[in-house]
Amino acid sequence: MSIADAKRRLADASFQHLICRETSGCSLSTSKVLNALMDCAVKEEGRCAIAQEICDVIDDTLDTEAAAKALVDLANSWIEHFLFPVFILNSKEKGLSISSGSQTPTLSLQETERLIECATRGDRKALYALLRRREGDRCCITNAPNIQNLAIHCDDLLPVDLEVAHIIPCSFHDNLIEDEDICEGKYTSVTPTTWEMLRIWSSVDFKSWVKDNIHGPGNAILLSMQFRMNFDAFRFWLEKDTLPDTYKVQVDPRLTPLVVKYRNKVINFVDHSAPVSASSDAPRSSIIPPPQPIALSLHASFAKLLHASGANEFFDHVLNDETHGWKGMKTLAEGGSTDLSLMMP
């Protein structure tokens, strides 16, 4: 079945007004969620897989009413096991800022390689030190200097506290447990179903990628606290541009001041710790790896999915709800429950 065929079927008048999730003053449209899953999948393979699921659930039913229920169930499954867990994991991610000296002294190649090895094994202090060097001790979006580094407080930009923002949250690594562990009662918010949905939608062996890359500099950027929080909440993302390691900033339309100032701003990731070539035309030879394109692509695709489906507004509404929100999550946890789906109405 083609993507066009799946879209044509969803466009049927019988399915246009189906609501898959609803709470006071906010709802999610079934067709909007399923169309967004197809449109925003990382690769064509993922788009086709979602299209096939949509066509299959319609073909397996006997009448329009049964097909409508099956589509609602399909959309709810993706919301409960994919969109919401990933959104929650990112929203709970904490930035990392370590007091590590006022300047970033030059390191030898061997010292840098040793730091990279330490960071890849989960040494967060080593990762922070690497990113300070790679980004020139500045926020990679605003170019604001690190408040810790007095040597670069000479321009018009206000110094800020800089934090490490993991592109794919470290929480995914914390949830790398085997299926039998879940059966023994060890809870994980990333269930086997979530991992499989991530694999289908992204067309990436996501579990293996997390094991190998989650702590390294290829999965992190340096941001001011405000931008780190907005990045973790998928309120802005980096869209790949034509040149290597070059991206354009895209911003949640609801954040008007940031849209005006930063939308389509070009960001070029250059290793500022690398020696400059004697030739002014020659590029720097990178020592510290830049952010991995696949990590930024996954983050950007998921951000676009949240916005295209309307899930970002819905989840924000849920999290601010007295019963289902963060306060509700704490109550559930204190009662012994760890089912994130219970947060949603």
C-alpha atoms as a PDB file:
ATOM      1  CA  MET A   1       0.000   0.000   0.000  1.00  0.00           C
ATOM      2  CA  SER A   2       1.268   3.503  -0.812  1.00  0.00           C
ATOM      3  CA  ILE A   3       1.368   6.559   1.430  1.00  0.00           C
ATOM      4  CA  ALA A   4      -1.042   8.268  -0.962  1.00  0.00           C
ATOM      5  CA  ASP A   5      -3.490   5.382  -0.551  1.00  0.00           C
ATOM      6  CA  ALA A   6      -3.341   5.613   3.253  1.00  0.00           C
ATOM      7  CA  LYS A   7      -3.913   9.380   3.112  1.00  0.00           C
ATOM      8  CA  ARG A   8      -6.829   8.921   0.724  1.00  0.00           C
ATOM      9  CA  ARG A   9      -8.472   6.469   3.107  1.00  0.00           C
ATOM     10  CA  LEU A  10      -7.955   8.731   6.127  1.00  0.00           C
ATOM     11  CA  ALA A  11      -9.558  11.554   4.155  1.00  0.00           C
ATOM     12  CA  ASP A  12     -12.843   9.602   4.049  1.00  0.00           C
ATOM     13  CA  ALA A  13     -15.597  11.715   5.580  1.00  0.00           C
ATOM     14  CA  SER A  14     -16.353   8.923   8.081  1.00  0.00           C
ATOM     15  CA  PHE A  15     -12.935   9.340   9.692  1.00  0.00           C
ATOM     16  CA  GLN A  16     -12.491  13.118   9.623  1.00  0.00           C
ATOM     17  CA  HIS A  17     -13.927  13.915  13.041  1.00  0.00           C
ATOM     18  CA  LEU A  18     -12.626  10.978  15.082  1.00  0.00           C
ATOM     19  CA  ILE A  19     -11.144  12.020  18.432  1.00  0.00           C
ATOM     20  CA  CYS A  20      -8.535   9.680  19.922  1.00  0.00           C
ATOM     21  CA  ARG A  21      -7.738  11.590  23.126  1.00  0.00           C
ATOM     22  CA  GLU A  22      -9.687  14.305  24.884  1.00  0.00           C
ATOM     23  CA  THR A  23      -9.441  16.328  28.068  1.00  0.00           C
ATOM     24  CA  SER A  24     -11.096  19.536  29.205  1.00  0.00           C
ATOM     25  CA  GLY A  25     -10.582  22.127  26.485  1.00  0.00           C
ATOM     26  CA  CYS A  26      -8.162  20.021  24.409  1.00  0.00           C
ATOM     27  CA  SER A  27      -8.363  17.020  22.082  1.00  0.00           C
ATOM     28  CA  LEU A  28      -6.346  15.054  19.535  1.00  0.00           C
ATOM     29  CA  SER A  29      -7.684  14.207  16.075  1.00  0.00           C
ATOM     30  CA  THR A  30      -7.133  10.600  14.944  1.00  0.00           C
ATOM     31  CA  SER A  31      -6.519  11.496  11.296  1.00  0.00           C
ATOM     32  CA  LYS A  32      -4.216  14.367  12.271  1.00  0.00           C
ATOM     33  CA  VAL A  33      -2.069  12.092  14.463  1.00  0.00           C
ATOM     34  CA  LEU A  34      -1.831   9.320  11.851  1.00  0.00           C
ATOM     35  CA  ASN A  35      -1.081  11.745   9.001  1.00  0.00           C
ATOM     36  CA  ALA A  36       1.625  13.410  11.102  1.00  0.00           C
ATOM     37  CA  LEU A  37       3.216  10.022  11.859  1.00  0.00           C
ATOM     38  CA  MET A  38       3.525   9.426   8.114  1.00  0.00           C
ATOM     39  CA  ASP A  39       4.605  12.946   7.162  1.00  0.00           C
ATOM     40  CA  CYS A  40       7.260  13.336   9.862  1.00  0.00           C
ATOM     41  CA  ALA A  41       8.858   9.877   9.917  1.00  0.00           C
ATOM     42  CA  VAL A  42      12.637  10.132   9.601  1.00  0.00           C
ATOM     43  CA  LYS A  43      12.900   8.148   6.356  1.00  0.00           C
ATOM     44  CA  GLU A  44      10.682   6.905   3.531  1.00  0.00           C
ATOM     45  CA  GLU A  45      10.802   3.398   4.990  1.00  0.00           C
ATOM     46  CA  GLY A  46       9.152   4.621   8.186  1.00  0.00           C
ATOM     47  CA  ARG A  47       6.502   6.591   6.285  1.00  0.00           C
ATOM     48  CA  CYS A  48       5.604   3.485   4.274  1.00  0.00           C
ATOM     49  CA  ALA A  49       5.450   1.320   7.425  1.00  0.00           C
ATOM     50  CA  ILE A  50       2.926   3.674   9.067  1.00  0.00           C
ATOM     51  CA  ALA A  51       0.908   3.819   5.846  1.00  0.00           C
ATOM     52  CA  GLN A  52       0.803   0.018   5.770  1.00  0.00           C
ATOM     53  CA  GLU A  53      -0.465  -0.120   9.362  1.00  0.00           C
ATOM     54  CA  ILE A  54      -3.269   2.325   8.524  1.00  0.00           C
ATOM     55  CA  CYS A  55      -4.359   0.377   5.454  1.00  0.00           C
ATOM     56  CA  ASP A  56      -4.146  -2.954   7.291  1.00  0.00           C
ATOM     57  CA  VAL A  57      -6.437  -1.910  10.163  1.00  0.00           C
ATOM     58  CA  ILE A  58      -9.030  -0.624   7.686  1.00  0.00           C
ATOM     59  CA  ASP A  59      -8.811  -3.739   5.487  1.00  0.00           C
ATOM     60  CA  ASP A  60      -9.146  -6.063   8.499  1.00  0.00           C
ATOM     61  CA  THR A  61     -12.546  -4.613   9.502  1.00  0.00           C
ATOM     62  CA  LEU A  62     -15.975  -5.432   8.135  1.00  0.00           C
ATOM     63  CA  ASP A  63     -17.635  -2.027   8.163  1.00  0.00           C
ATOM     64  CA  THR A  64     -16.983   1.688   8.524  1.00  0.00           C
ATOM     65  CA  GLU A  65     -17.847   1.781  12.237  1.00  0.00           C
ATOM     66  CA  ALA A  66     -15.376  -0.991  13.033  1.00  0.00           C
ATOM     67  CA  ALA A  67     -12.731   0.688  10.846  1.00  0.00           C
ATOM     68  CA  ALA A  68     -13.225   3.977  12.726  1.00  0.00           C
ATOM     69  CA  LYS A  69     -12.712   2.237  16.081  1.00  0.00           C
ATOM     70  CA  ALA A  70      -9.622   0.441  14.768  1.00  0.00           C
ATOM     71  CA  LEU A  71      -8.088   3.733  13.580  1.00  0.00           C
ATOM     72  CA  VAL A  72      -8.745   5.376  16.953  1.00  0.00           C
ATOM     73  CA  ASP A  73      -7.100   2.403  18.683  1.00  0.00           C
ATOM     74  CA  LEU A  74      -4.109   2.616  16.323  1.00  0.00           C
ATOM     75  CA  ALA A  75      -3.628   6.348  16.976  1.00  0.00           C
ATOM     76  CA  ASN A  76      -3.984   5.811  20.730  1.00  0.00           C
ATOM     77  CA  SER A  77      -1.382   3.053  20.673  1.00  0.00           C
ATOM     78  CA  TRP A  78       1.166   5.370  19.023  1.00  0.00           C
ATOM     79  CA  ILE A  79       0.309   8.171  21.466  1.00  0.00           C
ATOM     80  CA  GLU A  80       0.528   6.005  24.576  1.00  0.00           C
ATOM     81  CA  HIS A  81       3.584   3.915  23.676  1.00  0.00           C
ATOM     82  CA  PHE A  82       5.571   6.334  21.513  1.00  0.00           C
ATOM     83  CA  LEU A  83       4.722  10.049  21.521  1.00  0.00           C
ATOM     84  CA  PHE A  84       4.011  10.435  25.221  1.00  0.00           C
ATOM     85  CA  PRO A  85       6.952   8.390  26.613  1.00  0.00           C
ATOM     86  CA  VAL A  86       9.469  10.160  24.347  1.00  0.00           C
ATOM     87  CA  PHE A  87       7.981  13.563  25.198  1.00  0.00           C
ATOM     88  CA  ILE A  88       8.118  12.761  28.923  1.00  0.00           C
ATOM     89  CA  LEU A  89      11.704  11.510  28.815  1.00  0.00           C
ATOM     90  CA  ASN A  90      12.866  14.705  27.111  1.00  0.00           C
ATOM     91  CA  SER A  91      10.809  16.955  29.376  1.00  0.00           C
ATOM     92  CA  LYS A  92      12.384  15.373  32.478  1.00  0.00           C
ATOM     93  CA  GLU A  93      15.942  15.678  31.121  1.00  0.00           C
ATOM     94  CA  LYS A  94      18.134  17.949  33.233  1.00  0.00           C
ATOM     95  CA  GLY A  95      20.863  20.177  31.867  1.00  0.00           C
ATOM     96  CA  LEU A  96      24.450  19.805  32.993  1.00  0.00           C
ATOM     97  CA  SER A  97      26.603  22.740  34.012  1.00  0.00           C
ATOM     98  CA  ILE A  98      29.831  22.134  35.921  1.00  0.00           C
ATOM     99  CA  SER A  99      32.121  24.716  37.449  1.00  0.00           C
ATOM    100  CA  SER A 100      35.271  23.742  35.593  1.00  0.00           C
ATOM    101  CA  GLY A 101      37.518  26.767  35.559  1.00  0.00           C
ATOM    102  CA  SER A 102      37.351  30.194  33.999  1.00  0.00           C
ATOM    103  CA  GLN A 103      39.057  29.206  30.761  1.00  0.00           C
ATOM    104  CA  THR A 104      39.494  26.218  28.471  1.00  0.00           C
ATOM    105  CA  PRO A 105      43.225  25.490  28.229  1.00  0.00           C
ATOM    106  CA  THR A 106      44.608  23.983  25.041  1.00  0.00           C
ATOM    107  CA  LEU A 107      44.858  20.184  25.161  1.00  0.00           C
ATOM    108  CA  SER A 108      47.075  17.848  23.190  1.00  0.00           C
ATOM    109  CA  LEU A 109      45.515  15.385  20.753  1.00  0.00           C
ATOM    110  CA  GLN A 110      46.118  12.548  23.220  1.00  0.00           C
ATOM    111  CA  GLU A 111      44.472  14.476  26.078  1.00  0.00           C
ATOM    112  CA  THR A 112      41.451  15.283  23.886  1.00  0.00           C
ATOM    113  CA  GLU A 113      41.106  11.662  22.788  1.00  0.00           C
ATOM    114  CA  ARG A 114      41.254  10.584  26.429  1.00  0.00           C
ATOM    115  CA  LEU A 115      38.471  13.055  27.299  1.00  0.00           C
ATOM    116  CA  ILE A 116      36.349  11.731  24.417  1.00  0.00           C
ATOM    117  CA  GLU A 117      36.829   8.178  25.676  1.00  0.00           C
ATOM    118  CA  CYS A 118      35.852   9.201  29.219  1.00  0.00           C
ATOM    119  CA  ALA A 119      32.780  11.105  27.979  1.00  0.00           C
ATOM    120  CA  THR A 120      31.620   8.140  25.878  1.00  0.00           C
ATOM    121  CA  ARG A 121      31.724   5.990  29.011  1.00  0.00           C
ATOM    122  CA  GLY A 122      29.413   8.434  30.805  1.00  0.00           C
ATOM    123  CA  ASP A 123      31.806  10.940  32.410  1.00  0.00           C
ATOM    124  CA  ARG A 124      29.642  14.062  32.296  1.00  0.00           C
ATOM    125  CA  LYS A 125      32.407  16.378  33.468  1.00  0.00           C
ATOM    126  CA  ALA A 126      34.557  15.225  30.522  1.00  0.00           C
ATOM    127  CA  LEU A 127      31.639  15.817  28.141  1.00  0.00           C
ATOM    128  CA  TYR A 128      31.109  19.356  29.456  1.00  0.00           C
ATOM    129  CA  ALA A 129      34.818  20.113  29.046  1.00  0.00           C
ATOM    130  CA  LEU A 130      34.752  18.798  25.448  1.00  0.00           C
ATOM    131  CA  LEU A 131      31.710  20.847  24.469  1.00  0.00           C
ATOM    132  CA  ARG A 132      33.191  24.021  25.958  1.00  0.00           C
ATOM    133  CA  ARG A 133      36.165  23.534  23.653  1.00  0.00           C
ATOM    134  CA  ARG A 134      34.197  22.467  20.583  1.00  0.00           C
ATOM    135  CA  GLU A 135      31.701  25.353  20.755  1.00  0.00           C
ATOM    136  CA  GLY A 136      34.302  27.958  21.725  1.00  0.00           C
ATOM    137  CA  ASP A 137      32.683  28.208  25.202  1.00  0.00           C
ATOM    138  CA  ARG A 138      29.551  29.820  23.729  1.00  0.00           C
ATOM    139  CA  CYS A 139      25.904  28.899  23.317  1.00  0.00           C
ATOM    140  CA  CYS A 140      25.688  27.328  19.864  1.00  0.00           C
ATOM    141  CA  ILE A 141      22.424  29.194  19.102  1.00  0.00           C
ATOM    142  CA  THR A 142      22.870  32.686  20.550  1.00  0.00           C
ATOM    143  CA  ASN A 143      26.701  32.776  20.625  1.00  0.00           C
ATOM    144  CA  ALA A 144      26.469  34.132  24.204  1.00  0.00           C
ATOM    145  CA  PRO A 145      29.726  33.516  26.135  1.00  0.00           C
ATOM    146  CA  ASN A 146      30.060  31.238  29.144  1.00  0.00           C
ATOM    147  CA  ILE A 147      29.721  33.231  32.359  1.00  0.00           C
ATOM    148  CA  GLN A 148      32.606  31.155  33.788  1.00  0.00           C
ATOM    149  CA  ASN A 149      35.029  32.312  31.084  1.00  0.00           C
ATOM    150  CA  LEU A 150      36.134  35.878  31.856  1.00  0.00           C
ATOM    151  CA  ALA A 151      38.479  35.887  28.850  1.00  0.00           C
ATOM    152  CA  ILE A 152      35.582  36.137  26.378  1.00  0.00           C
ATOM    153  CA  HIS A 153      33.393  38.693  28.216  1.00  0.00           C
ATOM    154  CA  CYS A 154      34.469  41.440  25.868  1.00  0.00           C
ATOM    155  CA  ASP A 155      31.599  41.594  23.382  1.00  0.00           C
ATOM    156  CA  ASP A 156      28.040  42.934  23.564  1.00  0.00           C
ATOM    157  CA  LEU A 157      26.435  39.570  24.402  1.00  0.00           C
ATOM    158  CA  LEU A 158      25.406  38.988  28.006  1.00  0.00           C
ATOM    159  CA  PRO A 159      27.351  36.050  29.553  1.00  0.00           C
ATOM    160  CA  VAL A 160      25.172  33.061  30.491  1.00  0.00           C
ATOM    161  CA  ASP A 161      25.403  29.753  32.307  1.00  0.00           C
ATOM    162  CA  LEU A 162      25.958  27.112  29.636  1.00  0.00           C
ATOM    163  CA  GLU A 163      24.465  23.637  29.932  1.00  0.00           C
ATOM    164  CA  VAL A 164      24.943  20.361  28.101  1.00  0.00           C
ATOM    165  CA  ALA A 165      21.817  19.448  26.127  1.00  0.00           C
ATOM    166  CA  HIS A 166      21.648  15.798  25.118  1.00  0.00           C
ATOM    167  CA  ILE A 167      20.013  15.528  21.705  1.00  0.00           C
ATOM    168  CA  ILE A 168      18.625  12.076  22.504  1.00  0.00           C
ATOM    169  CA  PRO A 169      17.991  12.055  26.286  1.00  0.00           C
ATOM    170  CA  CYS A 170      20.231   9.948  28.517  1.00  0.00           C
ATOM    171  CA  SER A 171      17.043   8.533  30.034  1.00  0.00           C
ATOM    172  CA  PHE A 172      16.867   6.196  27.051  1.00  0.00           C
ATOM    173  CA  HIS A 173      20.107   4.569  28.164  1.00  0.00           C
ATOM    174  CA  ASP A 174      18.719   4.215  31.694  1.00  0.00           C
ATOM    175  CA  ASN A 175      15.812   2.280  30.176  1.00  0.00           C
ATOM    176  CA  LEU A 176      17.969  -0.251  28.311  1.00  0.00           C
ATOM    177  CA  ILE A 177      16.793  -3.350  30.195  1.00  0.00           C
ATOM    178  CA  GLU A 178      15.887  -6.736  28.850  1.00  0.00           C
ATOM    179  CA  ASP A 179      12.287  -7.841  28.384  1.00  0.00           C
ATOM    180  CA  GLU A 180      12.522 -10.475  31.145  1.00  0.00           C
ATOM    181  CA  ASP A 181      13.495  -7.746  33.624  1.00  0.00           C
ATOM    182  CA  ILE A 182      10.154  -6.066  32.992  1.00  0.00           C
ATOM    183  CA  CYS A 183       8.393  -9.342  33.763  1.00  0.00           C
ATOM    184  CA  GLU A 184      10.247  -9.424  37.107  1.00  0.00           C
ATOM    185  CA  GLY A 185       8.752  -6.045  37.981  1.00  0.00           C
ATOM    186  CA  LYS A 186      11.593  -3.693  37.059  1.00  0.00           C
ATOM    187  CA  TYR A 187       9.740  -0.753  35.574  1.00  0.00           C
ATOM    188  CA  THR A 188      10.848   1.083  32.468  1.00  0.00           C
ATOM    189  CA  SER A 189       9.001   3.950  30.796  1.00  0.00           C
ATOM    190  CA  VAL A 190      10.468   2.770  27.480  1.00  0.00           C
ATOM    191  CA  THR A 191       8.725  -0.564  26.998  1.00  0.00           C
ATOM    192  CA  PRO A 192       9.582  -3.129  24.296  1.00  0.00           C
ATOM    193  CA  THR A 193       6.653  -1.682  22.345  1.00  0.00           C
ATOM    194  CA  THR A 194       8.194   1.805  22.512  1.00  0.00           C
ATOM    195  CA  TRP A 195      11.574   0.536  21.285  1.00  0.00           C
ATOM    196  CA  GLU A 196       9.896  -1.264  18.379  1.00  0.00           C
ATOM    197  CA  MET A 197       7.840   1.799  17.439  1.00  0.00           C
ATOM    198  CA  LEU A 198      11.006   3.917  17.513  1.00  0.00           C
ATOM    199  CA  ARG A 199      12.679   1.431  15.183  1.00  0.00           C
ATOM    200  CA  ILE A 200       9.731   1.390  12.757  1.00  0.00           C
ATOM    201  CA  TRP A 201       9.205   5.158  12.704  1.00  0.00           C
ATOM    202  CA  SER A 202      12.875   6.158  12.533  1.00  0.00           C
ATOM    203  CA  SER A 203      14.136   3.280  10.346  1.00  0.00           C
ATOM    204  CA  VAL A 204      17.129   3.204  12.729  1.00  0.00           C
ATOM    205  CA  ASP A 205      18.307   0.455  15.080  1.00  0.00           C
ATOM    206  CA  PHE A 206      17.658   2.928  17.859  1.00  0.00           C
ATOM    207  CA  LYS A 207      18.488   0.616  20.734  1.00  0.00           C
ATOM    208  CA  SER A 208      21.973  -0.105  19.356  1.00  0.00           C
ATOM    209  CA  TRP A 209      22.546   3.579  18.599  1.00  0.00           C
ATOM    210  CA  VAL A 210      21.699   4.513  22.189  1.00  0.00           C
ATOM    211  CA  LYS A 211      24.115   1.895  23.570  1.00  0.00           C
ATOM    212  CA  ASP A 212      26.994   3.168  21.430  1.00  0.00           C
ATOM    213  CA  ASN A 213      26.444   6.943  21.261  1.00  0.00           C
ATOM    214  CA  ILE A 214      24.232   8.335  23.998  1.00  0.00           C
ATOM    215  CA  HIS A 215      26.994   9.797  26.223  1.00  0.00           C
ATOM    216  CA  GLY A 216      29.425  11.013  23.549  1.00  0.00           C
ATOM    217  CA  PRO A 217      29.901  14.521  22.113  1.00  0.00           C
ATOM    218  CA  GLY A 218      28.041  13.434  18.963  1.00  0.00           C
ATOM    219  CA  ASN A 219      24.845  13.404  21.035  1.00  0.00           C
ATOM    220  CA  ALA A 220      25.246  16.762  22.770  1.00  0.00           C
ATOM    221  CA  ILE A 221      25.320  20.508  22.167  1.00  0.00           C
ATOM    222  CA  LEU A 222      26.066  23.466  24.450  1.00  0.00           C
ATOM    223  CA  LEU A 223      23.162  25.828  25.186  1.00  0.00           C
ATOM    224  CA  SER A 224      22.080  28.513  27.605  1.00  0.00           C
ATOM    225  CA  MET A 225      19.620  27.232  30.214  1.00  0.00           C
ATOM    226  CA  GLN A 226      16.612  28.843  28.462  1.00  0.00           C
ATOM    227  CA  PHE A 227      17.475  27.268  25.130  1.00  0.00           C
ATOM    228  CA  ARG A 228      18.333  23.921  26.689  1.00  0.00           C
ATOM    229  CA  MET A 229      14.888  23.743  28.313  1.00  0.00           C
ATOM    230  CA  ASN A 230      13.168  24.700  25.049  1.00  0.00           C
ATOM    231  CA  PHE A 231      15.276  22.184  23.118  1.00  0.00           C
ATOM    232  CA  ASP A 232      14.376  19.385  25.546  1.00  0.00           C
ATOM    233  CA  ALA A 233      10.697  20.299  25.218  1.00  0.00           C
ATOM    234  CA  PHE A 234      10.952  20.210  21.392  1.00  0.00           C
ATOM    235  CA  ARG A 235      10.102  23.916  21.165  1.00  0.00           C
ATOM    236  CA  PHE A 236      12.970  24.428  18.778  1.00  0.00           C
ATOM    237  CA  TRP A 237      15.009  22.079  16.631  1.00  0.00           C
ATOM    238  CA  LEU A 238      17.801  22.089  14.058  1.00  0.00           C
ATOM    239  CA  GLU A 239      16.934  21.320  10.429  1.00  0.00           C
ATOM    240  CA  LYS A 240      19.749  20.011   8.208  1.00  0.00           C
ATOM    241  CA  ASP A 241      21.041  22.530   5.680  1.00  0.00           C
ATOM    242  CA  THR A 242      22.986  21.823   2.482  1.00  0.00           C
ATOM    243  CA  LEU A 243      26.559  22.139   3.838  1.00  0.00           C
ATOM    244  CA  PRO A 244      28.148  19.549   6.169  1.00  0.00           C
ATOM    245  CA  ASP A 245      27.458  20.099   9.894  1.00  0.00           C
ATOM    246  CA  THR A 246      25.266  23.097   9.035  1.00  0.00           C
ATOM    247  CA  TYR A 247      21.679  23.504  10.266  1.00  0.00           C
ATOM    248  CA  LYS A 248      18.848  26.016  10.357  1.00  0.00           C
ATOM    249  CA  VAL A 249      17.039  26.832  13.582  1.00  0.00           C
ATOM    250  CA  GLN A 250      13.302  26.121  13.543  1.00  0.00           C
ATOM    251  CA  VAL A 251      11.051  27.339  16.352  1.00  0.00           C
ATOM    252  CA  ASP A 252       7.641  26.478  17.796  1.00  0.00           C
ATOM    253  CA  PRO A 253       5.309  29.119  16.231  1.00  0.00           C
ATOM    254  CA  ARG A 254       3.870  29.804  19.686  1.00  0.00           C
ATOM    255  CA  LEU A 255       7.189  31.321  20.827  1.00  0.00           C
ATOM    256  CA  THR A 256       6.850  34.534  18.838  1.00  0.00           C
ATOM    257  CA  PRO A 257       9.937  36.395  20.182  1.00  0.00           C
ATOM    258  CA  LEU A 258      12.206  33.416  19.419  1.00  0.00           C
ATOM    259  CA  VAL A 259      10.588  32.943  15.991  1.00  0.00           C
ATOM    260  CA  VAL A 260      11.316  36.559  15.071  1.00  0.00           C
ATOM    261  CA  LYS A 261      14.915  36.457  16.283  1.00  0.00           C
ATOM    262  CA  TYR A 262      16.139  32.937  15.526  1.00  0.00           C
ATOM    263  CA  ARG A 263      13.964  31.160  12.948  1.00  0.00           C
ATOM    264  CA  ASN A 264      16.109  30.035   9.966  1.00  0.00           C
ATOM    265  CA  LYS A 265      19.303  31.214  11.665  1.00  0.00           C
ATOM    266  CA  VAL A 266      22.176  29.158  10.226  1.00  0.00           C
ATOM    267  CA  ILE A 267      24.268  27.203  12.737  1.00  0.00           C
ATOM    268  CA  ASN A 268      27.591  25.749  11.616  1.00  0.00           C
ATOM    269  CA  PHE A 269      29.203  23.286  14.026  1.00  0.00           C
ATOM    270  CA  VAL A 270      32.952  23.848  13.920  1.00  0.00           C
ATOM    271  CA  ASP A 271      35.470  22.386  16.342  1.00  0.00           C
ATOM    272  CA  HIS A 272      36.941  25.565  17.824  1.00  0.00           C
ATOM    273  CA  SER A 273      39.579  23.524  19.648  1.00  0.00           C
ATOM    274  CA  ALA A 274      41.072  22.267  16.377  1.00  0.00           C
ATOM    275  CA  PRO A 275      44.170  23.983  14.972  1.00  0.00           C
ATOM    276  CA  VAL A 276      43.504  26.511  12.222  1.00  0.00           C
ATOM    277  CA  SER A 277      45.112  25.676   8.893  1.00  0.00           C
ATOM    278  CA  ALA A 278      47.840  27.967   7.592  1.00  0.00           C
ATOM    279  CA  SER A 279      45.698  28.399   4.487  1.00  0.00           C
ATOM    280  CA  SER A 280      42.735  30.675   5.118  1.00  0.00           C
ATOM    281  CA  ASP A 281      40.679  28.677   2.605  1.00  0.00           C
ATOM    282  CA  ALA A 282      41.287  25.305   4.245  1.00  0.00           C
ATOM    283  CA  PRO A 283      38.700  24.092   6.791  1.00  0.00           C
ATOM    284  CA  ARG A 284      39.624  23.259  10.365  1.00  0.00           C
ATOM    285  CA  SER A 285      40.508  19.620  10.943  1.00  0.00           C
ATOM    286  CA  SER A 286      37.984  18.435  13.532  1.00  0.00           C
ATOM    287  CA  ILE A 287      39.228  16.672  16.662  1.00  0.00           C
ATOM    288  CA  ILE A 288      36.073  16.661  18.798  1.00  0.00           C
ATOM    289  CA  PRO A 289      33.221  15.023  16.827  1.00  0.00           C
ATOM    290  CA  PRO A 290      30.339  17.349  15.819  1.00  0.00           C
ATOM    291  CA  PRO A 291      26.724  16.502  16.669  1.00  0.00           C
ATOM    292  CA  GLN A 292      25.693  13.401  14.752  1.00  0.00           C
ATOM    293  CA  PRO A 293      23.257  14.211  11.894  1.00  0.00           C
ATOM    294  CA  ILE A 294      21.105  11.172  12.748  1.00  0.00           C
ATOM    295  CA  ALA A 295      20.633  12.422  16.342  1.00  0.00           C
ATOM    296  CA  LEU A 296      19.609  15.923  15.232  1.00  0.00           C
ATOM    297  CA  SER A 297      17.410  14.419  12.505  1.00  0.00           C
ATOM    298  CA  LEU A 298      15.580  12.231  15.056  1.00  0.00           C
ATOM    299  CA  HIS A 299      15.088  15.209  17.384  1.00  0.00           C
ATOM    300  CA  ALA A 300      13.860  17.438  14.546  1.00  0.00           C
ATOM    301  CA  SER A 301      11.508  14.790  13.138  1.00  0.00           C
ATOM    302  CA  PHE A 302       9.956  14.153  16.540  1.00  0.00           C
ATOM    303  CA  ALA A 303       9.567  17.892  17.181  1.00  0.00           C
ATOM    304  CA  LYS A 304       7.776  18.280  13.845  1.00  0.00           C
ATOM    305  CA  LEU A 305       5.585  15.267  14.658  1.00  0.00           C
ATOM    306  CA  LEU A 306       4.502  16.827  17.955  1.00  0.00           C
ATOM    307  CA  HIS A 307       3.574  20.092  16.241  1.00  0.00           C
ATOM    308  CA  ALA A 308       1.892  18.560  13.170  1.00  0.00           C
ATOM    309  CA  SER A 309      -0.235  16.216  15.294  1.00  0.00           C
ATOM    310  CA  GLY A 310      -1.179  18.804  17.915  1.00  0.00           C
ATOM    311  CA  ALA A 311       0.324  16.527  20.590  1.00  0.00           C
ATOM    312  CA  ASN A 312       2.630  19.258  21.936  1.00  0.00           C
ATOM    313  CA  GLU A 313      -0.304  21.432  23.040  1.00  0.00           C
ATOM    314  CA  PHE A 314      -2.238  18.401  24.292  1.00  0.00           C
ATOM    315  CA  PHE A 315       0.677  17.099  26.392  1.00  0.00           C
ATOM    316  CA  ASP A 316       1.398  20.568  27.778  1.00  0.00           C
ATOM    317  CA  HIS A 317      -2.248  20.768  28.788  1.00  0.00           C
ATOM    318  CA  VAL A 318      -2.103  17.316  30.431  1.00  0.00           C
ATOM    319  CA  LEU A 319       1.097  18.050  32.337  1.00  0.00           C
ATOM    320  CA  ASN A 320      -0.392  21.238  33.772  1.00  0.00           C
ATOM    321  CA  ASP A 321      -3.551  19.427  34.853  1.00  0.00           C
ATOM    322  CA  GLU A 322      -4.034  19.108  38.624  1.00  0.00           C
ATOM    323  CA  THR A 323      -5.021  15.431  38.383  1.00  0.00           C
ATOM    324  CA  HIS A 324      -3.010  14.102  35.461  1.00  0.00           C
ATOM    325  CA  GLY A 325      -0.024  16.463  35.383  1.00  0.00           C
ATOM    326  CA  TRP A 326       3.344  16.463  37.135  1.00  0.00           C
ATOM    327  CA  LYS A 327       1.490  16.708  40.455  1.00  0.00           C
ATOM    328  CA  GLY A 328      -0.598  13.737  39.401  1.00  0.00           C
ATOM    329  CA  MET A 329       2.533  11.823  38.397  1.00  0.00           C
ATOM    330  CA  LYS A 330       3.991  12.339  41.887  1.00  0.00           C
ATOM    331  CA  THR A 331       0.773  11.046  43.452  1.00  0.00           C
ATOM    332  CA  LEU A 332       0.832   7.978  41.215  1.00  0.00           C
ATOM    333  CA  ALA A 333       4.457   7.260  42.073  1.00  0.00           C
ATOM    334  CA  GLU A 334       3.796   7.585  45.803  1.00  0.00           C
ATOM    335  CA  GLY A 335       0.959   5.102  45.391  1.00  0.00           C
ATOM    336  CA  GLY A 336       3.296   2.597  43.775  1.00  0.00           C
ATOM    337  CA  SER A 337       2.171   3.129  40.184  1.00  0.00           C
ATOM    338  CA  THR A 338       4.633   3.756  37.360  1.00  0.00           C
ATOM    339  CA  ASP A 339       2.273   3.678  34.385  1.00  0.00           C
ATOM    340  CA  LEU A 340       2.780   6.887  32.419  1.00  0.00           C
ATOM    341  CA  SER A 341      -0.410   6.227  30.470  1.00  0.00           C
ATOM    342  CA  LEU A 342      -2.392   6.855  33.662  1.00  0.00           C
ATOM    343  CA  MET A 343      -1.401  10.512  33.394  1.00  0.00           C
ATOM    344  CA  MET A 344      -3.472  10.858  30.233  1.00  0.00           C
ATOM    345  CA  PRO A 345      -7.264  11.119  30.308  1.00  0.00           C
END
